[in-house]
PDB file of N, CA and C in Angstrom:
ATOM      1  N   MET A   1     -13.414 -13.182  13.567  1.00  0.00           N
ATOM      2  CA  MET A   1     -12.650 -12.806  12.883  1.00  0.00           C
ATOM      3  C   MET A   1     -12.417 -12.050  11.364  1.00  0.00           C
ATOM      4  N   LYS A   2     -12.825 -11.469  10.765  1.00  0.00           N
ATOM      5  CA  LYS A   2     -12.331 -11.130   9.490  1.00  0.00           C
ATOM      6  C   LYS A   2     -11.167 -10.732   9.316  1.00  0.00           C
ATOM      7  N   ARG A   3     -10.645 -11.243   8.022  1.00  0.00           N
ATOM      8  CA  ARG A   3      -8.697 -10.892   8.109  1.00  0.00           C
ATOM      9  C   ARG A   3      -9.319 -10.912   6.288  1.00  0.00           C
ATOM     10  N   GLN A   4      -8.603  -9.869   5.961  1.00  0.00           N
ATOM     11  CA  GLN A   4      -7.881  -9.662   4.293  1.00  0.00           C
ATOM     12  C   GLN A   4      -7.163  -8.956   3.820  1.00  0.00           C
ATOM     13  N   VAL A   5      -6.926  -9.357   2.717  1.00  0.00           N
ATOM     14  CA  VAL A   5      -5.900  -8.535   2.138  1.00  0.00           C
ATOM     15  C   VAL A   5      -6.759  -7.392   1.009  1.00  0.00           C
ATOM     16  N   ILE A   6      -6.884  -5.935   1.494  1.00  0.00           N
ATOM     17  CA  ILE A   6      -7.757  -4.963   0.417  1.00  0.00           C
ATOM     18  C   ILE A   6      -6.480  -4.441  -0.398  1.00  0.00           C
ATOM     19  N   ILE A   7      -6.429  -4.985  -2.109  1.00  0.00           N
ATOM     20  CA  ILE A   7      -6.239  -4.399  -2.759  1.00  0.00           C
ATOM     21  C   ILE A   7      -6.633  -2.862  -2.625  1.00  0.00           C
ATOM     22  N   VAL A   8      -6.105  -2.177  -3.327  1.00  0.00           N
ATOM     23  CA  VAL A   8      -6.437  -0.075  -3.760  1.00  0.00           C
ATOM     24  C   VAL A   8      -6.101   0.080  -5.402  1.00  0.00           C
ATOM     25  N   MET A   9      -7.122  -0.215  -5.949  1.00  0.00           N
ATOM     26  CA  MET A   9      -7.225  -0.048  -6.949  1.00  0.00           C
ATOM     27  C   MET A   9      -6.461   1.574  -7.741  1.00  0.00           C
ATOM     28  N   THR A  10      -6.340   1.074  -8.963  1.00  0.00           N
ATOM     29  CA  THR A  10      -5.207   2.222  -9.062  1.00  0.00           C
ATOM     30  C   THR A  10      -6.076   3.273  -9.466  1.00  0.00           C
ATOM     31  N   GLY A  11      -6.051   5.249  -9.426  1.00  0.00           N
ATOM     32  CA  GLY A  11      -6.882   6.060  -9.028  1.00  0.00           C
ATOM     33  C   GLY A  11      -7.617   5.778  -7.417  1.00  0.00           C
ATOM     34  N   LYS A  12      -7.843   5.431  -6.638  1.00  0.00           N
ATOM     35  CA  LYS A  12      -8.351   5.499  -6.086  1.00  0.00           C
ATOM     36  C   LYS A  12      -7.631   5.348  -4.551  1.00  0.00           C
ATOM     37  N   SER A  13      -8.178   6.021  -3.191  1.00  0.00           N
ATOM     38  CA  SER A  13      -7.094   6.662  -2.466  1.00  0.00           C
ATOM     39  C   SER A  13      -7.409   5.418  -0.776  1.00  0.00           C
ATOM     40  N   PRO A  14      -6.346   5.366  -0.506  1.00  0.00           N
ATOM     41  CA  PRO A  14      -7.593   4.184   0.984  1.00  0.00           C
ATOM     42  C   PRO A  14      -7.782   4.812   1.676  1.00  0.00           C
ATOM     43  N   LEU A  15      -7.406   6.254   1.337  1.00  0.00           N
ATOM     44  CA  LEU A  15      -8.225   6.806   2.397  1.00  0.00           C
ATOM     45  C   LEU A  15     -10.457   6.920   2.334  1.00  0.00           C
ATOM     46  N   ASP A  16     -10.174   6.715   0.387  1.00  0.00           N
ATOM     47  CA  ASP A  16     -11.730   6.117  -0.072  1.00  0.00           C
ATOM     48  C   ASP A  16     -11.826   4.726   0.520  1.00  0.00           C
ATOM     49  N   ILE A  17     -11.438   3.877  -0.041  1.00  0.00           N
ATOM     50  CA  ILE A  17     -11.960   2.617   0.447  1.00  0.00           C
ATOM     51  C   ILE A  17     -12.134   2.545   2.479  1.00  0.00           C
ATOM     52  N   LEU A  18     -11.400   3.276   3.225  1.00  0.00           N
ATOM     53  CA  LEU A  18     -11.608   3.434   4.600  1.00  0.00           C
ATOM     54  C   LEU A  18     -12.977   3.360   4.498  1.00  0.00           C
ATOM     55  N   ALA A  19     -13.057   4.474   3.865  1.00  0.00           N
ATOM     56  CA  ALA A  19     -14.802   5.398   3.753  1.00  0.00           C
ATOM     57  C   ALA A  19     -15.944   4.568   3.511  1.00  0.00           C
ATOM     58  N   GLU A  20     -15.923   3.720   2.196  1.00  0.00           N
ATOM     59  CA  GLU A  20     -16.604   2.596   1.407  1.00  0.00           C
ATOM     60  C   GLU A  20     -16.399   1.501   2.891  1.00  0.00           C
ATOM     61  N   MET A  21     -15.907   1.102   3.453  1.00  0.00           N
ATOM     62  CA  MET A  21     -15.839  -0.156   4.176  1.00  0.00           C
ATOM     63  C   MET A  21     -16.783   0.127   5.616  1.00  0.00           C
ATOM     64  N   GLY A  22     -17.206   1.707   5.538  1.00  0.00           N
ATOM     65  CA  GLY A  22     -17.930   1.921   6.843  1.00  0.00           C
ATOM     66  C   GLY A  22     -17.336   1.263   8.213  1.00  0.00           C
ATOM     67  N   ARG A  23     -18.794   0.871   8.943  1.00  0.00           N
ATOM     68  CA  ARG A  23     -18.737   0.273   9.636  1.00  0.00           C
ATOM     69  C   ARG A  23     -17.471  -1.086  10.100  1.00  0.00           C
ATOM     70  N   ASN A  24     -17.554  -1.801   8.897  1.00  0.00           N
ATOM     71  CA  ASN A  24     -16.400  -2.894   9.032  1.00  0.00           C
ATOM     72  C   ASN A  24     -15.164  -2.283   9.299  1.00  0.00           C
ATOM     73  N   ALA A  25     -14.518  -0.843   9.010  1.00  0.00           N
ATOM     74  CA  ALA A  25     -13.866  -1.005   9.570  1.00  0.00           C
ATOM     75  C   ALA A  25     -13.363  -0.312  11.228  1.00  0.00           C
ATOM     76  N   ARG A  26     -14.902  -0.157  11.793  1.00  0.00           N
ATOM     77  CA  ARG A  26     -14.475   0.479  12.768  1.00  0.00           C
ATOM     78  C   ARG A  26     -13.953   0.525  13.570  1.00  0.00           C
ATOM     79  N   LYS A  27     -13.810  -1.237  13.997  1.00  0.00           N
ATOM     80  CA  LYS A  27     -13.370  -1.451  15.098  1.00  0.00           C
ATOM     81  C   LYS A  27     -12.082  -2.632  15.051  1.00  0.00           C
ATOM     82  N   ALA A  28     -11.706  -2.555  13.765  1.00  0.00           N
ATOM     83  CA  ALA A  28     -10.144  -3.573  12.929  1.00  0.00           C
ATOM     84  C   ALA A  28      -8.784  -2.680  13.027  1.00  0.00           C
ATOM     85  N   TRP A  29      -8.150  -3.592  13.170  1.00  0.00           N
ATOM     86  CA  TRP A  29      -6.939  -3.714  13.149  1.00  0.00           C
ATOM     87  C   TRP A  29      -6.389  -3.134  11.415  1.00  0.00           C
ATOM     88  N   ILE A  30      -5.845  -2.430  11.410  1.00  0.00           N
ATOM     89  CA  ILE A  30      -5.733  -1.340   9.882  1.00  0.00           C
ATOM     90  C   ILE A  30      -3.878  -1.470   9.273  1.00  0.00           C
ATOM     91  N   TYR A  31      -3.471  -1.914   8.189  1.00  0.00           N
ATOM     92  CA  TYR A  31      -1.895  -1.659   8.553  1.00  0.00           C
ATOM     93  C   TYR A  31      -2.150  -1.664   6.942  1.00  0.00           C
ATOM     94  N   PHE A  32      -1.685  -0.724   6.774  1.00  0.00           N
ATOM     95  CA  PHE A  32      -1.025  -0.428   5.442  1.00  0.00           C
ATOM     96  C   PHE A  32      -0.172  -0.311   5.159  1.00  0.00           C
ATOM     97  N   ASP A  33       0.538  -1.228   3.801  1.00  0.00           N
ATOM     98  CA  ASP A  33       2.090  -1.759   3.410  1.00  0.00           C
ATOM     99  C   ASP A  33       2.864   0.080   2.547  1.00  0.00           C
ATOM    100  N   ASN A  34       4.113  -0.169   2.625  1.00  0.00           N
ATOM    101  CA  ASN A  34       4.529   0.969   2.326  1.00  0.00           C
ATOM    102  C   ASN A  34       4.594   1.416   0.917  1.00  0.00           C
ATOM    103  N   THR A  35       3.784   0.359  -0.037  1.00  0.00           N
ATOM    104  CA  THR A  35       3.489   1.140  -1.317  1.00  0.00           C
ATOM    105  C   THR A  35       2.132   2.276  -0.626  1.00  0.00           C
ATOM    106  N   CYS A  36       0.564   2.092   0.200  1.00  0.00           N
ATOM    107  CA  CYS A  36       0.210   2.422   0.849  1.00  0.00           C
ATOM    108  C   CYS A  36       0.629   3.982   1.356  1.00  0.00           C
ATOM    109  N   LYS A  37       1.519   3.640   2.269  1.00  0.00           N
ATOM    110  CA  LYS A  37       1.907   4.667   2.926  1.00  0.00           C
ATOM    111  C   LYS A  37       2.688   6.210   2.516  1.00  0.00           C
ATOM    112  N   HIS A  38       3.154   5.471   0.612  1.00  0.00           N
ATOM    113  CA  HIS A  38       3.839   6.401   0.484  1.00  0.00           C
ATOM    114  C   HIS A  38       2.933   6.944  -1.002  1.00  0.00           C
ATOM    115  N   TYR A  39       2.531   6.050  -1.069  1.00  0.00           N
ATOM    116  CA  TYR A  39       0.766   7.074  -1.360  1.00  0.00           C
ATOM    117  C   TYR A  39      -0.368   8.566  -0.680  1.00  0.00           C
ATOM    118  N   LEU A  40      -0.163   7.920   0.102  1.00  0.00           N
ATOM    119  CA  LEU A  40      -0.805   8.507   1.479  1.00  0.00           C
ATOM    120  C   LEU A  40       0.351   9.727   2.014  1.00  0.00           C
ATOM    121  N   GLU A  41       1.811   9.799   1.916  1.00  0.00           N
ATOM    122  CA  GLU A  41       2.245  10.546   2.647  1.00  0.00           C
ATOM    123  C   GLU A  41       2.392  12.290   0.797  1.00  0.00           C
ATOM    124  N   LYS A  42       2.371  11.476  -0.068  1.00  0.00           N
ATOM    125  CA  LYS A  42       1.925  12.308  -1.511  1.00  0.00           C
ATOM    126  C   LYS A  42       0.868  13.153  -1.700  1.00  0.00           C
ATOM    127  N   GLU A  43      -0.467  12.628  -0.951  1.00  0.00           N
ATOM    128  CA  GLU A  43      -1.135  12.963  -1.612  1.00  0.00           C
ATOM    129  C   GLU A  43      -1.954  13.993   0.089  1.00  0.00           C
ATOM    130  N   ALA A  44      -1.619  13.912   0.736  1.00  0.00           N
ATOM    131  CA  ALA A  44      -1.381  14.913   2.399  1.00  0.00           C
ATOM    132  C   ALA A  44      -0.992  15.903   2.128  1.00  0.00           C
ATOM    133  N   ASN A  45      -1.212  17.270   2.310  1.00  0.00           N
ATOM    134  CA  ASN A  45      -1.266  18.172   2.266  1.00  0.00           C
ATOM    135  C   ASN A  45      -0.251  18.892   3.444  1.00  0.00           C
ATOM    136  N   SER A  46      -0.093  17.961   4.706  1.00  0.00           N
ATOM    137  CA  SER A  46       0.929  17.779   6.079  1.00  0.00           C
ATOM    138  C   SER A  46       1.363  16.810   6.174  1.00  0.00           C
ATOM    139  N   LYS A  47       2.724  16.359   6.323  1.00  0.00           N
ATOM    140  CA  LYS A  47       3.282  15.076   6.945  1.00  0.00           C
ATOM    141  C   LYS A  47       4.548  15.441   7.424  1.00  0.00           C
ATOM    142  N   MET A  48       4.012  14.902   9.520  1.00  0.00           N
ATOM    143  CA  MET A  48       5.258  15.122  10.257  1.00  0.00           C
ATOM    144  C   MET A  48       5.178  13.805  10.989  1.00  0.00           C
ATOM    145  N   TRP A  49       6.456  13.647  11.365  1.00  0.00           N
ATOM    146  CA  TRP A  49       6.831  11.641  11.890  1.00  0.00           C
ATOM    147  C   TRP A  49       6.702  12.845  13.546  1.00  0.00           C
ATOM    148  N   LYS A  50       6.498  11.586  14.437  1.00  0.00           N
ATOM    149  CA  LYS A  50       6.833  12.685  15.874  1.00  0.00           C
ATOM    150  C   LYS A  50       7.256  11.413  16.677  1.00  0.00           C
ATOM    151  N   TRP A  51       7.840  11.323  17.498  1.00  0.00           N
ATOM    152  CA  TRP A  51       7.540  10.358  18.072  1.00  0.00           C
ATOM    153  C   TRP A  51       7.542   8.581  17.577  1.00  0.00           C
ATOM    154  N   GLY A  52       8.331   7.858  16.578  1.00  0.00           N
ATOM    155  CA  GLY A  52       8.005   6.791  15.474  1.00  0.00           C
ATOM    156  C   GLY A  52       6.585   6.784  14.746  1.00  0.00           C
ATOM    157  N   SER A  53       5.687   8.075  15.099  1.00  0.00           N
ATOM    158  CA  SER A  53       4.897   8.295  13.904  1.00  0.00           C
ATOM    159  C   SER A  53       4.411   9.117  13.169  1.00  0.00           C
ATOM    160  N   LEU A  54       3.459   8.265  12.254  1.00  0.00           N
ATOM    161  CA  LEU A  54       3.293   9.832  10.864  1.00  0.00           C
ATOM    162  C   LEU A  54       2.101  10.307  11.130  1.00  0.00           C
ATOM    163  N   ASN A  55       2.159  11.301  11.114  1.00  0.00           N
ATOM    164  CA  ASN A  55       0.865  12.358  11.362  1.00  0.00           C
ATOM    165  C   ASN A  55       0.414  13.043   9.760  1.00  0.00           C
ATOM    166  N   LEU A  56      -0.511  12.742   9.033  1.00  0.00           N
ATOM    167  CA  LEU A  56      -1.029  13.114   7.629  1.00  0.00           C
ATOM    168  C   LEU A  56      -2.177  14.114   8.256  1.00  0.00           C
ATOM    169  N   ASP A  57      -2.106  15.043   7.434  1.00  0.00           N
ATOM    170  CA  ASP A  57      -3.389  15.592   7.495  1.00  0.00           C
ATOM    171  C   ASP A  57      -3.755  16.050   5.788  1.00  0.00           C
ATOM    172  N   TRP A  58      -4.775  16.387   6.057  1.00  0.00           N
ATOM    173  CA  TRP A  58      -4.955  16.895   4.805  1.00  0.00           C
ATOM    174  C   TRP A  58      -6.510  18.181   5.039  1.00  0.00           C
ATOM    175  N   VAL A  59      -7.230  18.498   4.021  1.00  0.00           N
ATOM    176  CA  VAL A  59      -7.863  20.393   3.975  1.00  0.00           C
ATOM    177  C   VAL A  59      -8.398  19.288   3.590  1.00  0.00           C
ATOM    178  N   GLU A  60      -9.629  20.281   3.938  1.00  0.00           N
ATOM    179  CA  GLU A  60     -11.596  20.229   3.740  1.00  0.00           C
ATOM    180  C   GLU A  60     -11.052  20.554   2.342  1.00  0.00           C
ATOM    181  N   THR A  61     -11.877  19.784   1.449  1.00  0.00           N
ATOM    182  CA  THR A  61     -12.027  19.959   0.263  1.00  0.00           C
ATOM    183  C   THR A  61     -13.723  19.762  -0.451  1.00  0.00           C
ATOM    184  N   GLU A  62     -13.824  19.993  -1.351  1.00  0.00           N
ATOM    185  CA  GLU A  62     -15.835  19.450  -1.714  1.00  0.00           C
ATOM    186  C   GLU A  62     -16.034  18.508  -1.847  1.00  0.00           C
ATOM    187  N   LYS A  63     -15.059  17.461  -1.629  1.00  0.00           N
ATOM    188  CA  LYS A  63     -14.865  15.736  -1.412  1.00  0.00           C
ATOM    189  C   LYS A  63     -14.947  15.508  -0.556  1.00  0.00           C
ATOM    190  N   ILE A  64     -14.382  15.461   0.463  1.00  0.00           N
ATOM    191  CA  ILE A  64     -14.511  14.821   1.739  1.00  0.00           C
ATOM    192  C   ILE A  64     -13.488  16.131   2.675  1.00  0.00           C
ATOM    193  N   PRO A  65     -14.491  15.840   3.841  1.00  0.00           N
ATOM    194  CA  PRO A  65     -13.935  16.944   5.353  1.00  0.00           C
ATOM    195  C   PRO A  65     -12.906  17.010   5.857  1.00  0.00           C
ATOM    196  N   ALA A  66     -11.685  17.988   6.473  1.00  0.00           N
ATOM    197  CA  ALA A  66     -10.662  17.938   7.066  1.00  0.00           C
ATOM    198  C   ALA A  66     -10.483  16.400   7.740  1.00  0.00           C
ATOM    199  N   THR A  67      -8.911  16.202   7.207  1.00  0.00           N
ATOM    200  CA  THR A  67      -8.868  14.484   7.772  1.00  0.00           C
ATOM    201  C   THR A  67      -7.161  14.708   7.960  1.00  0.00           C
ATOM    202  N   SER A  68      -7.216  13.982   9.248  1.00  0.00           N
ATOM    203  CA  SER A  68      -6.194  13.790  10.197  1.00  0.00           C
ATOM    204  C   SER A  68      -5.549  12.139  10.414  1.00  0.00           C
ATOM    205  N   ILE A  69      -4.439  11.304  10.183  1.00  0.00           N
ATOM    206  CA  ILE A  69      -4.543  10.218  10.375  1.00  0.00           C
ATOM    207  C   ILE A  69      -3.230  10.036  11.102  1.00  0.00           C
ATOM    208  N   LYS A  70      -2.809   9.384  11.774  1.00  0.00           N
ATOM    209  CA  LYS A  70      -1.596   8.440  12.588  1.00  0.00           C
ATOM    210  C   LYS A  70      -1.341   7.392  12.283  1.00  0.00           C
ATOM    211  N   LEU A  71       0.262   7.019  11.747  1.00  0.00           N
ATOM    212  CA  LEU A  71       0.675   5.507  11.307  1.00  0.00           C
ATOM    213  C   LEU A  71       1.802   5.220  12.320  1.00  0.00           C
ATOM    214  N   GLN A  72       1.449   4.387  12.111  1.00  0.00           N
ATOM    215  CA  GLN A  72       2.746   3.888  13.312  1.00  0.00           C
ATOM    216  C   GLN A  72       3.192   2.465  12.724  1.00  0.00           C
ATOM    217  N   LYS A  73       4.598   2.860  12.121  1.00  0.00           N
ATOM    218  CA  LYS A  73       5.690   1.761  12.503  1.00  0.00           C
ATOM    219  C   LYS A  73       5.544   0.644  12.557  1.00  0.00           C
ATOM    220  N   CYS A  74       4.990  -0.743  12.428  1.00  0.00           N
ATOM    221  CA  CYS A  74       5.336  -1.962  13.315  1.00  0.00           C
ATOM    222  C   CYS A  74       5.995  -2.884  13.422  1.00  0.00           C
ATOM    223  N   VAL A  75       6.266  -3.241  11.866  1.00  0.00           N
ATOM    224  CA  VAL A  75       7.078  -4.028  11.531  1.00  0.00           C
ATOM    225  C   VAL A  75       8.012  -3.300  10.166  1.00  0.00           C
ATOM    226  N   SER A  76       8.779  -4.216  10.086  1.00  0.00           N
ATOM    227  CA  SER A  76       9.724  -3.563   8.387  1.00  0.00           C
ATOM    228  C   SER A  76       8.334  -4.255   6.968  1.00  0.00           C
ATOM    229  N   GLY A  77       7.783  -2.753   6.780  1.00  0.00           N
ATOM    230  CA  GLY A  77       6.840  -2.467   5.513  1.00  0.00           C
ATOM    231  C   GLY A  77       5.375  -2.119   6.360  1.00  0.00           C
ATOM    232  N   LEU A  78       5.032  -2.529   7.130  1.00  0.00           N
ATOM    233  CA  LEU A  78       3.667  -2.381   7.092  1.00  0.00           C
ATOM    234  C   LEU A  78       3.960  -1.046   8.447  1.00  0.00           C
ATOM    235  N   TYR A  79       2.519  -0.351   8.775  1.00  0.00           N
ATOM    236  CA  TYR A  79       2.786   0.415   9.550  1.00  0.00           C
ATOM    237  C   TYR A  79       0.997   0.677   9.826  1.00  0.00           C
ATOM    238  N   GLU A  80       0.676   0.578  11.009  1.00  0.00           N
ATOM    239  CA  GLU A  80      -0.542   0.504  11.658  1.00  0.00           C
ATOM    240  C   GLU A  80      -1.532   1.575  11.729  1.00  0.00           C
ATOM    241  N   LEU A  81      -2.521   1.869  11.580  1.00  0.00           N
ATOM    242  CA  LEU A  81      -3.531   2.801  11.552  1.00  0.00           C
ATOM    243  C   LEU A  81      -3.874   3.289  12.956  1.00  0.00           C
ATOM    244  N   ILE A  82      -3.631   4.626  13.245  1.00  0.00           N
ATOM    245  CA  ILE A  82      -3.628   3.553  14.730  1.00  0.00           C
ATOM    246  C   ILE A  82      -4.808   5.429  15.598  1.00  0.00           C
ATOM    247  N   GLU A  83      -4.792   6.273  14.535  1.00  0.00           N
ATOM    248  CA  GLU A  83      -5.701   7.027  15.227  1.00  0.00           C
ATOM    249  C   GLU A  83      -6.290   7.949  13.350  1.00  0.00           C
ATOM    250  N   VAL A  84      -8.045   8.178  13.785  1.00  0.00           N
ATOM    251  CA  VAL A  84      -8.767   9.040  12.166  1.00  0.00           C
ATOM    252  C   VAL A  84      -9.096  10.363  12.974  1.00  0.00           C
ATOM    253  N   ASP A  85      -9.120  11.496  12.672  1.00  0.00           N
ATOM    254  CA  ASP A  85     -10.001  12.145  12.571  1.00  0.00           C
ATOM    255  C   ASP A  85     -10.522  12.791  11.348  1.00  0.00           C
ATOM    256  N   SER A  86     -11.485  12.341  10.934  1.00  0.00           N
ATOM    257  CA  SER A  86     -12.579  12.734   9.868  1.00  0.00           C
ATOM    258  C   SER A  86     -14.095  12.198  10.425  1.00  0.00           C
ATOM    259  N   GLY A  87     -14.508  13.015   9.080  1.00  0.00           N
ATOM    260  CA  GLY A  87     -16.111  13.065   8.970  1.00  0.00           C
ATOM    261  C   GLY A  87     -16.719  11.875   7.880  1.00  0.00           C
ATOM    262  N   TYR A  88     -15.899  10.925   7.281  1.00  0.00           N
ATOM    263  CA  TYR A  88     -16.370  10.674   7.088  1.00  0.00           C
ATOM    264  C   TYR A  88     -15.404   9.427   6.995  1.00  0.00           C
ATOM    265  N   ILE A  89     -14.766   8.581   8.053  1.00  0.00           N
ATOM    266  CA  ILE A  89     -14.309   7.667   8.242  1.00  0.00           C
ATOM    267  C   ILE A  89     -14.781   7.153   9.520  1.00  0.00           C
ATOM    268  N   GLU A  90     -15.558   6.020   9.591  1.00  0.00           N
ATOM    269  CA  GLU A  90     -15.681   5.594  10.885  1.00  0.00           C
ATOM    270  C   GLU A  90     -14.129   4.702  11.403  1.00  0.00           C
ATOM    271  N   PHE A  91     -13.071   5.164  12.783  1.00  0.00           N
ATOM    272  CA  PHE A  91     -12.891   4.115  12.835  1.00  0.00           C
ATOM    273  C   PHE A  91     -11.702   4.678  14.385  1.00  0.00           C
ATOM    274  N   THR A  92     -12.499   3.384  15.131  1.00  0.00           N
ATOM    275  CA  THR A  92     -11.481   3.542  16.680  1.00  0.00           C
ATOM    276  C   THR A  92     -10.891   2.747  16.876  1.00  0.00           C
ATOM    277  N   ARG A  93      -9.589   2.433  17.598  1.00  0.00           N
ATOM    278  CA  ARG A  93      -8.643   1.449  17.252  1.00  0.00           C
ATOM    279  C   ARG A  93      -9.368   0.661  18.637  1.00  0.00           C
ATOM    280  N   PRO A  94      -9.162  -0.859  18.699  1.00  0.00           N
ATOM    281  CA  PRO A  94      -9.652  -1.623  19.554  1.00  0.00           C
ATOM    282  C   PRO A  94      -8.866  -2.060  20.482  1.00  0.00           C
ATOM    283  N   PRO A  95      -9.532  -2.774  22.066  1.00  0.00           N
ATOM    284  CA  PRO A  95      -8.143  -2.861  22.457  1.00  0.00           C
ATOM    285  C   PRO A  95      -7.374  -3.925  21.372  1.00  0.00           C
ATOM    286  N   TYR A  96      -6.205  -4.778  22.010  1.00  0.00           N
ATOM    287  CA  TYR A  96      -5.431  -5.664  21.105  1.00  0.00           C
ATOM    288  C   TYR A  96      -5.938  -6.045  21.043  1.00  0.00           C
ATOM    289  N   ASN A  97      -6.791  -6.523  22.160  1.00  0.00           N
ATOM    290  CA  ASN A  97      -7.368  -8.423  22.957  1.00  0.00           C
ATOM    291  C   ASN A  97      -8.606  -8.673  21.625  1.00  0.00           C
ATOM    292  N   ASP A  98      -9.573  -7.235  20.950  1.00  0.00           N
ATOM    293  CA  ASP A  98     -10.593  -7.587  20.488  1.00  0.00           C
ATOM    294  C   ASP A  98     -10.858  -6.906  18.947  1.00  0.00           C
ATOM    295  N   PRO A  99      -9.773  -6.922  17.980  1.00  0.00           N
ATOM    296  CA  PRO A  99     -10.748  -6.543  16.526  1.00  0.00           C
ATOM    297  C   PRO A  99     -11.760  -7.305  16.269  1.00  0.00           C
ATOM    298  N   GLU A 100     -11.964  -6.805  16.283  1.00  0.00           N
ATOM    299  CA  GLU A 100     -13.189  -7.414  15.185  1.00  0.00           C
ATOM    300  C   GLU A 100     -12.680  -7.522  12.842  1.00  0.00           C
ATOM    301  N   GLY A 101     -12.101  -7.481  13.180  1.00  0.00           N
ATOM    302  CA  GLY A 101     -11.489  -7.610  11.595  1.00  0.00           C
ATOM    303  C   GLY A 101     -10.012  -7.517  12.034  1.00  0.00           C
ATOM    304  N   ILE A 102      -9.431  -7.881  10.484  1.00  0.00           N
ATOM    305  CA  ILE A 102      -7.389  -7.153  10.305  1.00  0.00           C
ATOM    306  C   ILE A 102      -7.860  -6.874   8.996  1.00  0.00           C
ATOM    307  N   PHE A 103      -7.083  -5.694   8.470  1.00  0.00           N
ATOM    308  CA  PHE A 103      -7.539  -5.876   7.419  1.00  0.00           C
ATOM    309  C   PHE A 103      -6.089  -4.980   6.434  1.00  0.00           C
ATOM    310  N   PHE A 104      -5.675  -5.644   5.737  1.00  0.00           N
ATOM    311  CA  PHE A 104      -4.146  -5.472   5.334  1.00  0.00           C
ATOM    312  C   PHE A 104      -4.239  -4.763   3.724  1.00  0.00           C
ATOM    313  N   PHE A 105      -3.450  -3.207   3.913  1.00  0.00           N
ATOM    314  CA  PHE A 105      -3.692  -2.279   2.481  1.00  0.00           C
ATOM    315  C   PHE A 105      -2.637  -2.153   1.843  1.00  0.00           C
ATOM    316  N   THR A 106      -2.724  -2.620   0.356  1.00  0.00           N
ATOM    317  CA  THR A 106      -1.566  -2.599  -0.691  1.00  0.00           C
ATOM    318  C   THR A 106      -2.808  -2.109  -1.594  1.00  0.00           C
ATOM    319  N   MET A 107      -1.276  -1.124  -2.778  1.00  0.00           N
ATOM    320  CA  MET A 107      -1.744  -0.558  -3.802  1.00  0.00           C
ATOM    321  C   MET A 107      -1.134  -1.405  -4.773  1.00  0.00           C
ATOM    322  N   GLN A 108      -2.702  -1.424  -5.807  1.00  0.00           N
ATOM    323  CA  GLN A 108      -2.596  -1.873  -7.268  1.00  0.00           C
ATOM    324  C   GLN A 108      -0.893  -1.836  -8.064  1.00  0.00           C
ATOM    325  N   LYS A 109      -0.701  -2.999  -8.295  1.00  0.00           N
ATOM    326  CA  LYS A 109       0.776  -2.506  -9.110  1.00  0.00           C
ATOM    327  C   LYS A 109       0.401  -2.592 -10.316  1.00  0.00           C
TER     328      LYS A 109
END
C-alpha cells in the first residue's frame, strides 16, 4: 500500500492534485489538514456543516465541471475525504480494511 504526504504548491488547489492523481486517488484514504480545509472552504461556492461533515460545492466553470465533496473531521487537524461528485476526480471511498493508498494533503507554507 502506498503512503504519501502531498504538498499542494502555491497557486494549486487540492482538487487539482486529486484530478492529476487519477486512478491513484480512486480507492485511497485521503486526508486534508487544516490548511487544505481552509483553502477549500475559501475556494468553494457554498459550504455547509451537517452532522459533523463539511459539504463543499463548486459551480461549473470553463476549467472544471460542477464538483461537490464531503469532508469528515476524524482527528485534531485532519479531515477525511468521504465523498466526491465530479466529472474530473476519480474517487470511491474504499472499505476500511482495503485501501490502495493513504494520502495526506497539506498546503505549501
